[in-house]
C-alpha atoms as a PDB file:
ATOM      1  CA  MET A   1     -17.257  20.109   2.619  1.00  0.00           C
ATOM      2  CA  LEU A   2     -14.006  21.609   3.930  1.00  0.00           C
ATOM      3  CA  SER A   3     -10.649  21.465   2.150  1.00  0.00           C
ATOM      4  CA  ARG A   4      -7.151  22.296   3.252  1.00  0.00           C
ATOM      5  CA  ASP A   5      -3.993  22.910   1.254  1.00  0.00           C
ATOM      6  CA  THR A   6      -2.407  19.779  -0.203  1.00  0.00           C
ATOM      7  CA  ILE A   7      -0.508  17.769   2.403  1.00  0.00           C
ATOM      8  CA  SER A   8       2.697  15.952   1.387  1.00  0.00           C
ATOM      9  CA  ASP A   9       4.991  15.581   4.383  1.00  0.00           C
ATOM     10  CA  SER A  10       3.869  12.883   6.814  1.00  0.00           C
ATOM     11  CA  ASP A  11       4.564  15.009   9.932  1.00  0.00           C
ATOM     12  CA  THR A  12       2.560  17.896   8.455  1.00  0.00           C
ATOM     13  CA  GLU A  13      -0.235  15.475   7.602  1.00  0.00           C
ATOM     14  CA  SER A  14      -0.237  14.155  11.170  1.00  0.00           C
ATOM     15  CA  ALA A  15      -0.556  17.690  12.515  1.00  0.00           C
ATOM     16  CA  ALA A  16      -3.365  18.424  10.045  1.00  0.00           C
ATOM     17  CA  ILE A  17      -5.262  15.291  11.112  1.00  0.00           C
ATOM     18  CA  LEU A  18      -4.960  16.222  14.788  1.00  0.00           C
ATOM     19  CA  ALA A  19      -6.104  19.793  14.084  1.00  0.00           C
ATOM     20  CA  SER A  20      -9.041  18.504  12.049  1.00  0.00           C
ATOM     21  CA  VAL A  21     -10.097  16.074  14.782  1.00  0.00           C
ATOM     22  CA  GLN A  22      -9.979  18.847  17.384  1.00  0.00           C
ATOM     23  CA  GLU A  23     -12.040  21.065  15.094  1.00  0.00           C
ATOM     24  CA  LEU A  24     -14.659  18.383  14.448  1.00  0.00           C
ATOM     25  CA  MET A  25     -15.000  17.571  18.129  1.00  0.00           C
ATOM     26  CA  GLN A  26     -16.363  21.095  18.610  1.00  0.00           C
ATOM     27  CA  HIS A  27     -19.209  20.440  16.139  1.00  0.00           C
ATOM     28  CA  GLY A  28     -21.164  18.041  18.320  1.00  0.00           C
ATOM     29  CA  ASN A  29     -21.611  14.345  18.948  1.00  0.00           C
ATOM     30  CA  GLY A  30     -20.827  11.639  16.416  1.00  0.00           C
ATOM     31  CA  ASP A  31     -17.963   9.373  15.459  1.00  0.00           C
ATOM     32  CA  ILE A  32     -15.082  10.352  13.162  1.00  0.00           C
ATOM     33  CA  LEU A  33     -13.795   8.247  10.266  1.00  0.00           C
ATOM     34  CA  ILE A  34     -10.272   8.989   8.993  1.00  0.00           C
ATOM     35  CA  PHE A  35      -9.078   7.547   5.677  1.00  0.00           C
ATOM     36  CA  LEU A  36      -5.358   6.658   5.539  1.00  0.00           C
ATOM     37  CA  PRO A  37      -3.350   4.810   2.854  1.00  0.00           C
ATOM     38  CA  THR A  38      -1.554   2.077   4.846  1.00  0.00           C
ATOM     39  CA  GLU A  39      -1.624   0.042   8.043  1.00  0.00           C
ATOM     40  CA  ARG A  40       1.570   1.764   9.186  1.00  0.00           C
ATOM     41  CA  ASP A  41      -0.075   5.172   8.763  1.00  0.00           C
ATOM     42  CA  ILE A  42      -3.016   3.936  10.818  1.00  0.00           C
ATOM     43  CA  MET A  43      -0.794   2.804  13.698  1.00  0.00           C
ATOM     44  CA  GLU A  44       1.299   5.975  13.705  1.00  0.00           C
ATOM     45  CA  THR A  45      -1.761   8.220  13.499  1.00  0.00           C
ATOM     46  CA  ALA A  46      -3.383   6.293  16.367  1.00  0.00           C
ATOM     47  CA  ASN A  47      -0.311   6.973  18.530  1.00  0.00           C
ATOM     48  CA  ASP A  48      -0.273  10.655  17.527  1.00  0.00           C
ATOM     49  CA  LEU A  49      -3.962  11.050  18.395  1.00  0.00           C
ATOM     50  CA  ARG A  50      -3.617   9.297  21.757  1.00  0.00           C
ATOM     51  CA  HIS A  51      -0.771  11.660  22.589  1.00  0.00           C
ATOM     52  CA  GLY A  52      -2.527  14.776  21.266  1.00  0.00           C
ATOM     53  CA  LEU A  53      -5.947  14.045  22.772  1.00  0.00           C
ATOM     54  CA  LYS A  54      -4.900  12.892  26.225  1.00  0.00           C
ATOM     55  CA  LYS A  55      -7.602  14.865  28.029  1.00  0.00           C
ATOM     56  CA  GLN A  56     -10.395  13.629  25.778  1.00  0.00           C
ATOM     57  CA  THR A  57     -12.462  10.512  26.482  1.00  0.00           C
ATOM     58  CA  ILE A  58     -12.300   8.778  23.126  1.00  0.00           C
ATOM     59  CA  GLU A  59     -11.931   5.309  21.652  1.00  0.00           C
ATOM     60  CA  ILE A  60      -9.499   4.922  18.739  1.00  0.00           C
ATOM     61  CA  LEU A  61     -10.114   1.901  16.509  1.00  0.00           C
ATOM     62  CA  PRO A  62      -8.102   0.706  13.471  1.00  0.00           C
ATOM     63  CA  LEU A  63      -9.814  -0.862  10.452  1.00  0.00           C
ATOM     64  CA  TYR A  64      -7.995  -2.552   7.591  1.00  0.00           C
ATOM     65  CA  ALA A  65      -8.328  -5.745   5.563  1.00  0.00           C
ATOM     66  CA  ARG A  66      -5.704  -7.829   7.406  1.00  0.00           C
ATOM     67  CA  LEU A  67      -7.004  -6.919  10.864  1.00  0.00           C
ATOM     68  CA  PRO A  68      -8.334 -10.016  12.710  1.00  0.00           C
ATOM     69  CA  VAL A  69     -12.110 -10.391  12.411  1.00  0.00           C
ATOM     70  CA  GLN A  70     -12.633 -10.007  16.169  1.00  0.00           C
ATOM     71  CA  GLN A  71     -10.948  -6.602  16.116  1.00  0.00           C
ATOM     72  CA  GLN A  72     -12.789  -5.541  12.960  1.00  0.00           C
ATOM     73  CA  GLN A  73     -16.084  -6.264  14.713  1.00  0.00           C
ATOM     74  CA  LYS A  74     -15.336  -3.589  17.312  1.00  0.00           C
ATOM     75  CA  VAL A  75     -16.144  -0.812  14.826  1.00  0.00           C
ATOM     76  CA  PHE A  76     -19.714  -2.165  14.499  1.00  0.00           C
ATOM     77  CA  GLN A  77     -20.338  -2.211  18.253  1.00  0.00           C
ATOM     78  CA  THR A  78     -21.804   0.698  20.209  1.00  0.00           C
ATOM     79  CA  SER A  79     -19.643   2.555  22.689  1.00  0.00           C
ATOM     80  CA  PRO A  80     -20.357   5.082  25.473  1.00  0.00           C
ATOM     81  CA  HIS A  81     -17.402   7.112  24.210  1.00  0.00           C
ATOM     82  CA  ARG A  82     -16.825   9.027  21.020  1.00  0.00           C
ATOM     83  CA  ARG A  83     -15.026   6.837  18.501  1.00  0.00           C
ATOM     84  CA  ILE A  84     -12.348   7.679  15.962  1.00  0.00           C
ATOM     85  CA  ILE A  85     -12.057   5.014  13.249  1.00  0.00           C
ATOM     86  CA  LEU A  86      -8.769   4.922  11.328  1.00  0.00           C
ATOM     87  CA  ALA A  87      -9.311   3.025   8.083  1.00  0.00           C
ATOM     88  CA  THR A  88      -7.811   2.226   4.710  1.00  0.00           C
ATOM     89  CA  ASN A  89     -10.045   2.337   1.632  1.00  0.00           C
ATOM     90  CA  VAL A  90     -11.689  -0.888   2.911  1.00  0.00           C
ATOM     91  CA  ALA A  91     -14.203   1.472   4.591  1.00  0.00           C
ATOM     92  CA  GLU A  92     -14.788   3.354   1.346  1.00  0.00           C
ATOM     93  CA  SER A  93     -17.398   0.985  -0.049  1.00  0.00           C
ATOM     94  CA  SER A  94     -16.799  -2.543   1.287  1.00  0.00           C
ATOM     95  CA  LEU A  95     -18.053  -1.792   4.809  1.00  0.00           C
ATOM     96  CA  THR A  96     -20.485   0.697   6.315  1.00  0.00           C
ATOM     97  CA  VAL A  97     -19.419   1.833   9.771  1.00  0.00           C
ATOM     98  CA  PRO A  98     -22.414   2.940  11.875  1.00  0.00           C
ATOM     99  CA  GLY A  99     -22.537   6.247  13.715  1.00  0.00           C
ATOM    100  CA  ILE A 100     -20.156   8.185  11.467  1.00  0.00           C
ATOM    101  CA  ARG A 101     -20.942  11.908  11.370  1.00  0.00           C
ATOM    102  CA  TYR A 102     -17.533  13.218  10.361  1.00  0.00           C
ATOM    103  CA  VAL A 103     -14.893  12.169   7.812  1.00  0.00           C
ATOM    104  CA  ILE A 104     -11.277  13.254   7.387  1.00  0.00           C
ATOM    105  CA  ASP A 105      -9.874  12.263   3.998  1.00  0.00           C
ATOM    106  CA  THR A 106      -6.123  12.288   3.314  1.00  0.00           C
ATOM    107  CA  GLY A 107      -6.946  11.621  -0.340  1.00  0.00           C
ATOM    108  CA  THR A 108      -4.555   8.720  -0.890  1.00  0.00           C
ATOM    109  CA  ALA A 109      -4.650   4.916  -0.994  1.00  0.00           C
ATOM    110  CA  ARG A 110      -2.539   1.920  -1.944  1.00  0.00           C
ATOM    111  CA  ILE A 111      -3.582   1.048  -5.482  1.00  0.00           C
ATOM    112  CA  SER A 112      -2.411  -2.157  -7.152  1.00  0.00           C
ATOM    113  CA  ARG A 113      -0.848  -1.352 -10.510  1.00  0.00           C
ATOM    114  CA  TYR A 114       1.132  -3.355 -13.059  1.00  0.00           C
ATOM    115  CA  SER A 115       4.404  -1.826 -14.191  1.00  0.00           C
ATOM    116  CA  ALA A 116       4.987  -2.698 -17.841  1.00  0.00           C
ATOM    117  CA  ARG A 117       8.604  -1.532 -17.584  1.00  0.00           C
ATOM    118  CA  SER A 118       9.631  -3.859 -14.744  1.00  0.00           C
ATOM    119  CA  ARG A 119       6.823  -6.337 -15.504  1.00  0.00           C
ATOM    120  CA  THR A 120       5.932  -6.592 -11.836  1.00  0.00           C
ATOM    121  CA  GLN A 121       2.834  -5.737  -9.834  1.00  0.00           C
ATOM    122  CA  ARG A 122       3.344  -2.747  -7.572  1.00  0.00           C
ATOM    123  CA  LEU A 123       1.345  -1.218  -4.724  1.00  0.00           C
ATOM    124  CA  PRO A 124       2.156   2.477  -4.897  1.00  0.00           C
ATOM    125  CA  ILE A 125       0.411   5.064  -2.748  1.00  0.00           C
ATOM    126  CA  GLU A 126      -1.591   7.258  -5.131  1.00  0.00           C
ATOM    127  CA  ALA A 127      -4.167  10.019  -5.071  1.00  0.00           C
ATOM    128  CA  VAL A 128      -7.670   8.534  -5.153  1.00  0.00           C
ATOM    129  CA  SER A 129     -10.091   9.413  -7.960  1.00  0.00           C
ATOM    130  CA  GLN A 130     -12.912  11.936  -7.658  1.00  0.00           C
ATOM    131  CA  ALA A 131     -15.410   9.066  -7.450  1.00  0.00           C
ATOM    132  CA  SER A 132     -13.512   7.523  -4.522  1.00  0.00           C
ATOM    133  CA  ALA A 133     -13.234  10.897  -2.802  1.00  0.00           C
ATOM    134  CA  ASP A 134     -16.995  11.395  -3.189  1.00  0.00           C
ATOM    135  CA  GLN A 135     -17.613   7.891  -1.852  1.00  0.00           C
ATOM    136  CA  ARG A 136     -15.504   8.687   1.209  1.00  0.00           C
ATOM    137  CA  ALA A 137     -17.345  11.948   1.805  1.00  0.00           C
ATOM    138  CA  GLY A 138     -20.643  10.062   1.609  1.00  0.00           C
ATOM    139  CA  ARG A 139     -19.690   7.946   4.620  1.00  0.00           C
ATOM    140  CA  CYS A 140     -20.537  10.826   6.960  1.00  0.00           C
ATOM    141  CA  GLY A 141     -24.046  11.499   5.697  1.00  0.00           C
ATOM    142  CA  ARG A 142     -25.779   8.207   6.402  1.00  0.00           C
ATOM    143  CA  VAL A 143     -27.236   8.972   9.835  1.00  0.00           C
ATOM    144  CA  GLY A 144     -27.812  12.709   9.337  1.00  0.00           C
ATOM    145  CA  PRO A 145     -25.991  15.846   8.208  1.00  0.00           C
ATOM    146  CA  GLY A 146     -22.244  15.389   8.383  1.00  0.00           C
ATOM    147  CA  VAL A 147     -18.947  17.132   7.719  1.00  0.00           C
ATOM    148  CA  CYS A 148     -16.031  15.934   5.567  1.00  0.00           C
ATOM    149  CA  ILE A 149     -12.617  17.583   5.761  1.00  0.00           C
ATOM    150  CA  ARG A 150     -10.309  16.864   2.834  1.00  0.00           C
ATOM    151  CA  LEU A 151      -6.611  17.364   3.482  1.00  0.00           C
ATOM    152  CA  TYR A 152      -6.044  18.542  -0.089  1.00  0.00           C
ATOM    153  CA  SER A 153      -7.206  21.516  -2.079  1.00  0.00           C
ATOM    154  CA  GLU A 154     -10.280  21.867  -4.268  1.00  0.00           C
ATOM    155  CA  SER A 155      -7.950  22.439  -7.227  1.00  0.00           C
ATOM    156  CA  ASP A 156      -6.231  19.110  -6.481  1.00  0.00           C
ATOM    157  CA  TYR A 157      -9.619  17.391  -6.409  1.00  0.00           C
ATOM    158  CA  ASN A 158     -10.665  18.951  -9.729  1.00  0.00           C
ATOM    159  CA  HIS A 159      -7.514  17.695 -11.474  1.00  0.00           C
ATOM    160  CA  ARG A 160      -7.920  14.076 -10.362  1.00  0.00           C
ATOM    161  CA  GLU A 161      -9.234  11.245 -12.517  1.00  0.00           C
ATOM    162  CA  HIS A 162     -13.027  11.025 -12.477  1.00  0.00           C
ATOM    163  CA  TYR A 163     -13.059   7.248 -11.842  1.00  0.00           C
ATOM    164  CA  THR A 164     -10.591   4.623 -10.654  1.00  0.00           C
ATOM    165  CA  THR A 165      -9.392   2.406 -13.494  1.00  0.00           C
ATOM    166  CA  PRO A 166     -10.959  -1.106 -13.196  1.00  0.00           C
ATOM    167  CA  GLU A 167      -8.482  -3.427 -11.481  1.00  0.00           C
ATOM    168  CA  ILE A 168      -8.516  -5.972 -14.308  1.00  0.00           C
ATOM    169  CA  GLN A 169      -7.100  -3.237 -16.567  1.00  0.00           C
ATOM    170  CA  ARG A 170      -4.278  -2.289 -14.211  1.00  0.00           C
ATOM    171  CA  THR A 171      -3.223  -5.675 -12.967  1.00  0.00           C
ATOM    172  CA  ASN A 172      -0.609  -8.161 -14.101  1.00  0.00           C
ATOM    173  CA  LEU A 173      -2.619 -10.647 -16.154  1.00  0.00           C
ATOM    174  CA  ALA A 174      -0.001 -13.335 -15.611  1.00  0.00           C
ATOM    175  CA  SER A 175      -1.410 -13.686 -12.104  1.00  0.00           C
ATOM    176  CA  VAL A 176      -5.012 -13.721 -13.385  1.00  0.00           C
ATOM    177  CA  ILE A 177      -4.200 -16.351 -16.047  1.00  0.00           C
ATOM    178  CA  LEU A 178      -2.395 -18.466 -13.444  1.00  0.00           C
ATOM    179  CA  ARG A 179      -5.422 -18.402 -11.130  1.00  0.00           C
ATOM    180  CA  THR A 180      -7.963 -19.180 -13.862  1.00  0.00           C
ATOM    181  CA  LYS A 181      -5.891 -22.166 -15.010  1.00  0.00           C
ATOM    182  CA  ALA A 182      -5.390 -23.468 -11.463  1.00  0.00           C
ATOM    183  CA  LEU A 183      -9.139 -23.179 -10.810  1.00  0.00           C
ATOM    184  CA  LYS A 184      -9.971 -24.705 -14.221  1.00  0.00           C
ATOM    185  CA  LEU A 185     -12.106 -21.740 -15.261  1.00  0.00           C
ATOM    186  CA  GLY A 186     -11.262 -22.034 -18.945  1.00  0.00           C
ATOM    187  CA  GLU A 187      -9.338 -19.729 -21.237  1.00  0.00           C
ATOM    188  CA  ILE A 188      -9.050 -16.132 -20.131  1.00  0.00           C
ATOM    189  CA  GLU A 189      -9.886 -14.882 -23.644  1.00  0.00           C
ATOM    190  CA  SER A 190     -13.449 -16.206 -23.282  1.00  0.00           C
ATOM    191  CA  PHE A 191     -13.971 -15.300 -19.609  1.00  0.00           C
ATOM    192  CA  PRO A 192     -16.958 -12.885 -19.224  1.00  0.00           C
ATOM    193  CA  PHE A 193     -15.179  -9.904 -17.656  1.00  0.00           C
ATOM    194  CA  LEU A 194     -17.270  -6.765 -17.109  1.00  0.00           C
ATOM    195  CA  ASP A 195     -14.269  -4.722 -18.274  1.00  0.00           C
ATOM    196  CA  PRO A 196     -12.343  -7.019 -20.634  1.00  0.00           C
ATOM    197  CA  PRO A 197      -8.544  -6.600 -20.671  1.00  0.00           C
ATOM    198  CA  LYS A 198      -6.746  -5.794 -23.901  1.00  0.00           C
ATOM    199  CA  ALA A 199      -5.432  -8.619 -26.102  1.00  0.00           C
ATOM    200  CA  ALA A 200      -1.878  -7.241 -25.789  1.00  0.00           C
ATOM    201  CA  ALA A 201      -2.078  -7.480 -21.987  1.00  0.00           C
ATOM    202  CA  ILE A 202      -3.271 -11.101 -22.217  1.00  0.00           C
ATOM    203  CA  SER A 203      -0.430 -11.956 -24.588  1.00  0.00           C
ATOM    204  CA  ASP A 204       2.072 -10.321 -22.215  1.00  0.00           C
ATOM    205  CA  GLY A 205       0.659 -12.387 -19.341  1.00  0.00           C
ATOM    206  CA  TYR A 206       1.149 -15.665 -21.218  1.00  0.00           C
ATOM    207  CA  LYS A 207       4.670 -14.625 -22.207  1.00  0.00           C
ATOM    208  CA  THR A 208       5.581 -13.882 -18.596  1.00  0.00           C
ATOM    209  CA  LEU A 209       4.288 -17.251 -17.386  1.00  0.00           C
ATOM    210  CA  PHE A 210       6.191 -19.124 -20.107  1.00  0.00           C
ATOM    211  CA  GLU A 211       9.446 -17.282 -19.312  1.00  0.00           C
ATOM    212  CA  ILE A 212       9.314 -18.254 -15.630  1.00  0.00           C
ATOM    213  CA  GLY A 213       8.403 -21.872 -16.385  1.00  0.00           C
ATOM    214  CA  ALA A 214       4.845 -21.696 -15.049  1.00  0.00           C
ATOM    215  CA  ILE A 215       3.311 -22.936 -18.338  1.00  0.00           C
ATOM    216  CA  ASP A 216       4.635 -25.031 -21.211  1.00  0.00           C
ATOM    217  CA  ASP A 217       4.497 -24.280 -24.925  1.00  0.00           C
ATOM    218  CA  ARG A 218       0.909 -25.590 -24.999  1.00  0.00           C
ATOM    219  CA  ARG A 219      -0.067 -23.148 -22.245  1.00  0.00           C
ATOM    220  CA  ASN A 220      -0.607 -25.925 -19.692  1.00  0.00           C
ATOM    221  CA  LEU A 221       0.430 -25.422 -16.058  1.00  0.00           C
ATOM    222  CA  THR A 222       3.754 -26.988 -15.057  1.00  0.00           C
ATOM    223  CA  SER A 223       4.655 -28.206 -11.567  1.00  0.00           C
ATOM    224  CA  ILE A 224       6.219 -24.798 -10.924  1.00  0.00           C
ATOM    225  CA  GLY A 225       3.005 -23.175 -12.115  1.00  0.00           C
ATOM    226  CA  TRP A 226       0.954 -25.158  -9.601  1.00  0.00           C
ATOM    227  CA  LYS A 227       3.264 -24.040  -6.777  1.00  0.00           C
ATOM    228  CA  LEU A 228       3.101 -20.421  -7.908  1.00  0.00           C
ATOM    229  CA  SER A 229      -0.700 -20.530  -8.072  1.00  0.00           C
ATOM    230  CA  LYS A 230      -0.756 -21.112  -4.309  1.00  0.00           C
ATOM    231  CA  LEU A 231       1.335 -17.997  -3.537  1.00  0.00           C
ATOM    232  CA  PRO A 232      -0.737 -14.770  -3.379  1.00  0.00           C
ATOM    233  CA  VAL A 233       1.982 -12.658  -5.003  1.00  0.00           C
ATOM    234  CA  ASP A 234       3.009 -11.611  -8.485  1.00  0.00           C
ATOM    235  CA  PRO A 235       4.161 -14.813 -10.277  1.00  0.00           C
ATOM    236  CA  ARG A 236       7.596 -13.333 -11.018  1.00  0.00           C
ATOM    237  CA  ILE A 237       8.093 -12.523  -7.336  1.00  0.00           C
ATOM    238  CA  GLY A 238       6.794 -15.988  -6.457  1.00  0.00           C
ATOM    239  CA  ARG A 239       9.308 -17.561  -8.845  1.00  0.00           C
ATOM    240  CA  MET A 240      12.106 -15.626  -7.152  1.00  0.00           C
ATOM    241  CA  ILE A 241      10.929 -16.935  -3.770  1.00  0.00           C
ATOM    242  CA  LEU A 242      10.857 -20.566  -4.957  1.00  0.00           C
ATOM    243  CA  ALA A 243      14.332 -20.272  -6.517  1.00  0.00           C
ATOM    244  CA  ALA A 244      15.665 -18.579  -3.373  1.00  0.00           C
ATOM    245  CA  GLN A 245      14.322 -21.431  -1.243  1.00  0.00           C
ATOM    246  CA  GLU A 246      16.050 -23.983  -3.466  1.00  0.00           C
ATOM    247  CA  ASN A 247      19.357 -22.101  -3.235  1.00  0.00           C
ATOM    248  CA  GLY A 248      19.234 -21.233   0.466  1.00  0.00           C
ATOM    249  CA  VAL A 249      19.098 -17.435   0.027  1.00  0.00           C
ATOM    250  CA  LEU A 250      15.477 -16.706   0.932  1.00  0.00           C
ATOM    251  CA  PRO A 251      16.164 -13.942   3.538  1.00  0.00           C
ATOM    252  CA  GLU A 252      18.235 -11.977   1.029  1.00  0.00           C
ATOM    253  CA  MET A 253      15.767 -12.552  -1.797  1.00  0.00           C
ATOM    254  CA  LEU A 254      12.841 -11.248   0.274  1.00  0.00           C
ATOM    255  CA  ILE A 255      14.757  -7.982   0.637  1.00  0.00           C
ATOM    256  CA  VAL A 256      15.320  -7.802  -3.121  1.00  0.00           C
ATOM    257  CA  ALA A 257      11.798  -8.903  -4.047  1.00  0.00           C
ATOM    258  CA  SER A 258      10.169  -6.309  -1.787  1.00  0.00           C
ATOM    259  CA  VAL A 259      12.242  -3.404  -3.127  1.00  0.00           C
ATOM    260  CA  MET A 260      11.208  -4.339  -6.661  1.00  0.00           C
ATOM    261  CA  GLU A 261       7.613  -3.587  -5.663  1.00  0.00           C
ATOM    262  CA  ILE A 262       8.291   0.099  -4.984  1.00  0.00           C
ATOM    263  CA  GLN A 263       9.820   3.103  -6.671  1.00  0.00           C
ATOM    264  CA  ASP A 264      13.604   3.344  -6.150  1.00  0.00           C
ATOM    265  CA  PRO A 265      14.102   4.714  -2.601  1.00  0.00           C
ATOM    266  CA  ARG A 266      17.294   6.494  -3.661  1.00  0.00           C
ATOM    267  CA  GLU A 267      16.658  10.114  -4.565  1.00  0.00           C
ATOM    268  CA  ARG A 268      18.688  12.165  -7.049  1.00  0.00           C
ATOM    269  CA  PRO A 269      17.513  15.808  -7.087  1.00  0.00           C
ATOM    270  CA  GLN A 270      18.516  17.763 -10.189  1.00  0.00           C
ATOM    271  CA  GLU A 271      20.419  20.387  -8.180  1.00  0.00           C
ATOM    272  CA  PHE A 272      22.279  17.858  -5.989  1.00  0.00           C
ATOM    273  CA  GLN A 273      23.087  15.022  -8.388  1.00  0.00           C
ATOM    274  CA  GLY A 274      26.784  14.970  -7.494  1.00  0.00           C
ATOM    275  CA  LYS A 275      26.147  14.859  -3.746  1.00  0.00           C
ATOM    276  CA  ALA A 276      23.460  12.208  -4.187  1.00  0.00           C
ATOM    277  CA  ASP A 277      25.765  10.009  -6.282  1.00  0.00           C
ATOM    278  CA  ALA A 278      28.496  10.332  -3.640  1.00  0.00           C
ATOM    279  CA  ALA A 279      26.079   9.395  -0.854  1.00  0.00           C
ATOM    280  CA  HIS A 280      24.722   6.426  -2.810  1.00  0.00           C
ATOM    281  CA  GLU A 281      28.198   5.112  -3.552  1.00  0.00           C
ATOM    282  CA  ALA A 282      28.252   3.510  -0.099  1.00  0.00           C
ATOM    283  CA  PHE A 283      25.482   1.197  -1.268  1.00  0.00           C
ATOM    284  CA  MET A 284      27.069   0.210  -4.580  1.00  0.00           C
ATOM    285  CA  ASP A 285      28.346  -3.316  -5.204  1.00  0.00           C
ATOM    286  CA  LYS A 286      30.250  -4.378  -8.314  1.00  0.00           C
ATOM    287  CA  ARG A 287      28.738  -7.850  -8.244  1.00  0.00           C
ATOM    288  CA  SER A 288      25.102  -6.787  -8.692  1.00  0.00           C
ATOM    289  CA  ASP A 289      22.517  -4.089  -8.036  1.00  0.00           C
ATOM    290  CA  PHE A 290      20.791  -6.672  -5.849  1.00  0.00           C
ATOM    291  CA  PHE A 291      23.749  -6.757  -3.457  1.00  0.00           C
ATOM    292  CA  GLY A 292      23.547  -2.960  -3.394  1.00  0.00           C
ATOM    293  CA  TYR A 293      19.920  -3.128  -2.261  1.00  0.00           C
ATOM    294  CA  ILE A 294      20.891  -5.535   0.522  1.00  0.00           C
ATOM    295  CA  LYS A 295      23.605  -3.103   1.655  1.00  0.00           C
ATOM    296  CA  LEU A 296      21.057  -0.282   1.669  1.00  0.00           C
ATOM    297  CA  TRP A 297      18.584  -2.410   3.652  1.00  0.00           C
ATOM    298  CA  ASP A 298      21.213  -3.290   6.267  1.00  0.00           C
ATOM    299  CA  PHE A 299      22.257   0.364   6.533  1.00  0.00           C
ATOM    300  CA  TYR A 300      18.686   1.490   7.146  1.00  0.00           C
ATOM    301  CA  GLN A 301      17.907  -1.285   9.662  1.00  0.00           C
ATOM    302  CA  ASN A 302      21.075  -0.550  11.666  1.00  0.00           C
ATOM    303  CA  LEU A 303      20.207   3.145  11.640  1.00  0.00           C
ATOM    304  CA  LYS A 304      16.655   2.412  12.754  1.00  0.00           C
ATOM    305  CA  GLU A 305      17.890   0.508  15.817  1.00  0.00           C
ATOM    306  CA  LYS A 306      20.112   3.382  16.934  1.00  0.00           C
ATOM    307  CA  THR A 307      18.043   6.508  16.366  1.00  0.00           C
ATOM    308  CA  SER A 308      14.610   8.032  16.809  1.00  0.00           C
ATOM    309  CA  ARG A 309      12.044   8.444  14.054  1.00  0.00           C
ATOM    310  CA  ASN A 310      13.046  12.075  13.508  1.00  0.00           C
ATOM    311  CA  GLY A 311      16.717  11.107  13.528  1.00  0.00           C
ATOM    312  CA  LEU A 312      15.984   8.382  10.978  1.00  0.00           C
ATOM    313  CA  ARG A 313      14.180  10.866   8.762  1.00  0.00           C
ATOM    314  CA  LYS A 314      17.112  13.297   8.906  1.00  0.00           C
ATOM    315  CA  ALA A 315      19.607  10.538   8.153  1.00  0.00           C
ATOM    316  CA  CYS A 316      17.572   9.552   5.095  1.00  0.00           C
ATOM    317  CA  GLN A 317      17.656  13.158   3.890  1.00  0.00           C
ATOM    318  CA  GLN A 318      21.417  13.332   4.404  1.00  0.00           C
ATOM    319  CA  HIS A 319      21.924  10.166   2.370  1.00  0.00           C
ATOM    320  CA  PHE A 320      19.387  11.190  -0.299  1.00  0.00           C
ATOM    321  CA  LEU A 321      16.942   8.411   0.556  1.00  0.00           C
ATOM    322  CA  SER A 322      13.160   8.708   0.558  1.00  0.00           C
ATOM    323  CA  PHE A 323      11.987   8.107   4.119  1.00  0.00           C
ATOM    324  CA  ASN A 324       8.465   7.218   2.942  1.00  0.00           C
ATOM    325  CA  ARG A 325       9.699   4.727   0.343  1.00  0.00           C
ATOM    326  CA  MET A 326      12.014   3.080   2.856  1.00  0.00           C
ATOM    327  CA  ARG A 327       9.003   2.578   5.155  1.00  0.00           C
ATOM    328  CA  GLU A 328       6.990   1.257   2.226  1.00  0.00           C
ATOM    329  CA  TRP A 329       9.829  -1.183   1.508  1.00  0.00           C
ATOM    330  CA  GLU A 330       9.623  -2.413   5.121  1.00  0.00           C
ATOM    331  CA  ASP A 331       5.857  -2.874   4.881  1.00  0.00           C
ATOM    332  CA  ILE A 332       6.075  -4.999   1.736  1.00  0.00           C
ATOM    333  CA  HIS A 333       8.998  -6.994   3.148  1.00  0.00           C
ATOM    334  CA  ALA A 334       6.937  -7.805   6.249  1.00  0.00           C
ATOM    335  CA  GLU A 335       4.012  -8.846   4.039  1.00  0.00           C
ATOM    336  CA  LEU A 336       6.233 -11.185   1.981  1.00  0.00           C
ATOM    337  CA  GLN A 337       7.607 -12.704   5.181  1.00  0.00           C
ATOM    338  CA  ARG A 338       4.045 -13.399   6.339  1.00  0.00           C
ATOM    339  CA  ILE A 339       3.120 -14.985   2.992  1.00  0.00           C
ATOM    340  CA  VAL A 340       6.213 -17.204   3.074  1.00  0.00           C
ATOM    341  CA  ARG A 341       5.466 -18.341   6.640  1.00  0.00           C
ATOM    342  CA  GLU A 342       1.841 -19.141   5.836  1.00  0.00           C
ATOM    343  CA  ALA A 343       2.917 -21.081   2.739  1.00  0.00           C
ATOM    344  CA  GLY A 344       5.225 -23.203   4.893  1.00  0.00           C
ATOM    345  CA  ILE A 345       8.338 -22.101   3.020  1.00  0.00           C
ATOM    346  CA  LYS A 346      11.420 -22.242   5.218  1.00  0.00           C
END
């Protein structure tokens, strides 16, 4: 097991991945599996590796949940060339990729988590637990001795949670209650969960559904509730989408809904609070914070069209914006657009 110092900056991480791949390719034959947190990271890393390994005969394959089945099947097929598989945590335990002798673990993943403060389900990128890290390392030892390089320190590993919290205990139960009612599975209080949620979380879920009109005072699904049950998003976000459709403001609401799923992309360092406030003033709107988010979105999209990735990163720093969170915002926005299209919402 090899470890490197903790990686935080995405460019530094990219360089560390390339260096690790080059190092592992000196060890001998065998495919390499690289764990990355998001689809965007997979695509960018694939481009970086193709550029950095031009003289090598390799096959670079992505692997993530939303990838079409035909493309997913490629990772299970033999190849005359050495393969580098770039995967999210879907390859951690759900799938076993044959031929893996080496693993590079960035140590992070998108983990669904309910925010009690905003009462919305979020998908932050977090450090994986020790159990998940061990599971990833085990991917390289199935066909013989293997090597795993972790792009974080041993001290970092030792301070992580031993196990990942069961999803039922970190999810918005409003969504779970909505699904169980739509599928007529009975009351959630009597459902035989392996890790039962707390009574307070169940009560909060019912309260949320009642507030958005998904259930009535007898806890029966309303017509709105039936519509929401067909949208694979947090019910509060789904309610925003339905209301936006009715009022003809769906494009704007998708911007607002997606930013609510992430941590505020505006940064305010302790030593530069005044400068940060001045920079953020351009995105303020007296009518609503929501209009401010739309201004910020438009600013970023216009900037993205005119500059390179490095230029975009520098501009974000100058305006005290988190480059990574802005990209995360884009990812979630694209996902909501896909969900809306598939649901037939215009």
